[in-house]
Amino acid sequence: QVQLLESGGGSVQPGGSLRLSCAASGYSYSRACMAWFRQAPGKERERVATIDSARQITYADFVKGRFAISRDNGKNTLDLFMNNLKPEDTAMYYCATRRTPSGNCLGSYVATYEYNYWGQGTQVSVSS
C-alpha cells in the first residue's frame, strides 16, 4: 500500500525558511518520479518542483532561486527546502509520486493527473 506522509509545515514571517519532508512507503521509491505541489484557497493545485529517478529537477518559475527539492533513496524521503518565503507562498503543500509499471520514471511531469498517489498535505502560512 503506497503511503506518502508530509511534515514540516508551519507559520513563518516573510523572508523566513521552512523545510518540508515527505516519507514514502509501500513501493519502489527510487524508481519513481516525485513532486511537490501546492494549493491555495480558491486556486487550482499547481506544481512547485519535480524530481525524477535520475534526479533531473524542474521548478516552477515562482520558486526558482528560493526553493530546492531533494530526495534520499536510502531513506525513501523527499524534501523541499523553502527560503525567502513570501505571503503568496501560503498554501497546502502536497507530496506526490508517479509510479511506472516497469523500469524507472524519467522526465518532467508537471500536471496533477500525471501523478498516481498523493499525501494529505502540510499547511504553510507566511504572514507578518
Protein backbone atom coordinates (compact mmCIF):
# COMPACT_ATOMS: atom_id res chain seq x y z
CA GLN A 1 0.00 0.00 0.00
CA VAL A 2 1.51 3.29 -1.12
CA GLN A 3 1.70 5.92 1.57
CA LEU A 4 3.03 9.46 1.48
CA LEU A 5 3.26 11.43 4.70
CA GLU A 6 4.22 15.11 4.67
CA SER A 7 5.59 17.05 7.61
CA GLY A 8 7.34 20.31 8.37
CA GLY A 9 4.69 22.89 7.59
CA GLY A 10 4.00 25.84 9.85
CA SER A 11 3.70 29.59 10.16
CA VAL A 12 6.59 31.90 9.35
CA GLN A 13 7.19 35.55 8.67
CA PRO A 14 8.06 36.83 5.20
CA GLY A 15 11.68 36.11 4.44
CA GLY A 16 11.69 33.05 6.66
CA SER A 17 12.52 29.45 5.82
CA LEU A 18 10.90 26.06 6.19
CA ARG A 19 11.82 22.50 5.32
CA LEU A 20 9.07 20.15 4.22
CA SER A 21 9.59 16.41 4.25
CA CYS A 22 7.68 13.52 2.71
CA ALA A 23 8.10 9.95 3.91
CA ALA A 24 7.19 7.38 1.27
CA SER A 25 6.45 3.70 1.75
CA GLY A 26 4.84 0.72 0.08
CA TYR A 27 6.54 0.85 -3.32
CA SER A 28 9.89 1.06 -5.10
CA TYR A 29 10.63 4.67 -4.24
CA SER A 30 13.94 5.02 -6.06
CA ARG A 31 12.31 4.22 -9.40
CA ALA A 32 9.50 6.73 -9.09
CA CYS A 33 9.14 10.37 -10.04
CA MET A 34 8.35 12.66 -7.12
CA ALA A 35 6.94 16.13 -6.86
CA TRP A 36 5.73 18.87 -4.58
CA PHE A 37 2.51 20.66 -5.46
CA ARG A 38 0.64 23.36 -3.62
CA GLN A 39 -2.90 24.63 -3.46
CA ALA A 40 -4.01 27.96 -2.07
CA PRO A 41 -7.66 28.60 -1.11
CA GLY A 42 -9.77 29.16 -4.18
CA LYS A 43 -6.96 28.26 -6.56
CA GLU A 44 -6.01 25.19 -8.53
CA ARG A 45 -3.30 22.84 -7.38
CA GLU A 46 0.00 23.77 -9.03
CA ARG A 47 3.39 22.19 -9.44
CA VAL A 48 6.18 23.56 -7.25
CA ALA A 49 9.05 21.20 -8.08
CA THR A 50 9.66 17.76 -9.55
CA ILE A 51 12.50 15.24 -9.42
CA ASP A 52 12.69 12.02 -11.42
CA SER A 53 14.55 8.78 -10.73
CA ALA A 54 17.68 10.18 -12.39
CA ARG A 55 17.40 13.26 -10.15
CA GLN A 56 16.52 15.57 -13.01
CA ILE A 57 14.77 18.55 -11.42
CA THR A 58 12.29 21.17 -12.54
CA TYR A 59 10.95 24.18 -10.67
CA ALA A 60 8.01 26.46 -11.21
CA ASP A 61 9.18 29.95 -12.14
CA PHE A 62 7.71 31.43 -8.99
CA VAL A 63 10.08 29.43 -6.74
CA LYS A 64 13.28 29.40 -8.75
CA GLY A 65 16.19 30.54 -6.65
CA ARG A 66 14.21 30.22 -3.41
CA PHE A 67 13.18 26.56 -3.12
CA ALA A 68 15.17 23.35 -3.53
CA ILE A 69 13.89 19.80 -3.90
CA SER A 70 15.92 16.74 -2.99
CA ARG A 71 15.37 13.03 -2.49
CA ASP A 72 17.07 10.41 -0.33
CA ASN A 73 16.53 6.99 -1.86
CA GLY A 74 18.11 5.27 1.13
CA LYS A 75 15.52 6.76 3.50
CA ASN A 76 12.65 6.97 1.00
CA THR A 77 12.20 10.64 1.71
CA LEU A 78 11.59 13.77 -0.34
CA ASP A 79 12.45 17.23 0.95
CA LEU A 80 11.56 20.76 -0.07
CA PHE A 81 13.79 23.49 1.29
CA MET A 82 11.97 26.81 1.16
CA ASN A 83 13.82 30.09 1.65
CA ASN A 84 12.82 33.74 1.40
CA LEU A 85 9.18 32.81 1.83
CA LYS A 86 6.54 35.26 0.67
CA PRO A 87 2.90 35.69 1.68
CA GLU A 88 1.88 34.33 -1.72
CA ASP A 89 3.59 31.04 -0.83
CA THR A 90 0.82 30.41 1.69
CA ALA A 91 -0.86 27.15 0.67
CA MET A 92 -1.32 23.50 1.45
CA TYR A 93 1.72 21.64 0.15
CA TYR A 94 1.37 18.11 -1.19
CA CYS A 95 3.86 15.37 -1.94
CA ALA A 96 3.03 13.24 -4.99
CA THR A 97 4.50 10.21 -6.71
CA ARG A 98 4.31 8.83 -10.23
CA ARG A 99 4.97 5.15 -10.47
CA THR A 100 5.66 3.31 -13.71
CA PRO A 101 4.65 -0.31 -14.39
CA SER A 102 8.27 -1.22 -15.06
CA GLY A 103 11.62 0.48 -15.24
CA ASN A 104 12.46 3.90 -13.90
CA CYS A 105 10.34 7.01 -14.12
CA LEU A 106 12.13 9.62 -16.19
CA GLY A 107 11.03 13.02 -17.35
CA SER A 108 9.33 16.18 -16.16
CA TYR A 109 5.72 15.68 -15.15
CA VAL A 110 4.00 18.86 -14.09
CA ALA A 111 0.29 18.11 -14.24
CA THR A 112 -1.66 16.73 -11.31
CA TYR A 113 -3.21 13.94 -13.39
CA GLU A 114 0.26 12.57 -14.12
CA TYR A 115 0.76 11.51 -10.51
CA ASN A 116 -0.70 8.32 -9.11
CA TYR A 117 -0.61 8.92 -5.37
CA TRP A 118 -0.81 11.92 -3.07
CA GLY A 119 -0.15 12.70 0.54
CA GLN A 120 -2.61 14.50 2.81
CA GLY A 121 -0.70 17.77 2.69
CA THR A 122 1.00 20.09 5.14
CA GLN A 123 0.00 23.72 5.63
CA VAL A 124 2.45 26.58 5.08
CA SER A 125 1.40 30.07 6.17
CA VAL A 126 3.52 33.15 5.56
CA SER A 127 2.46 36.40 7.17
CA SER A 128 3.77 39.22 9.30
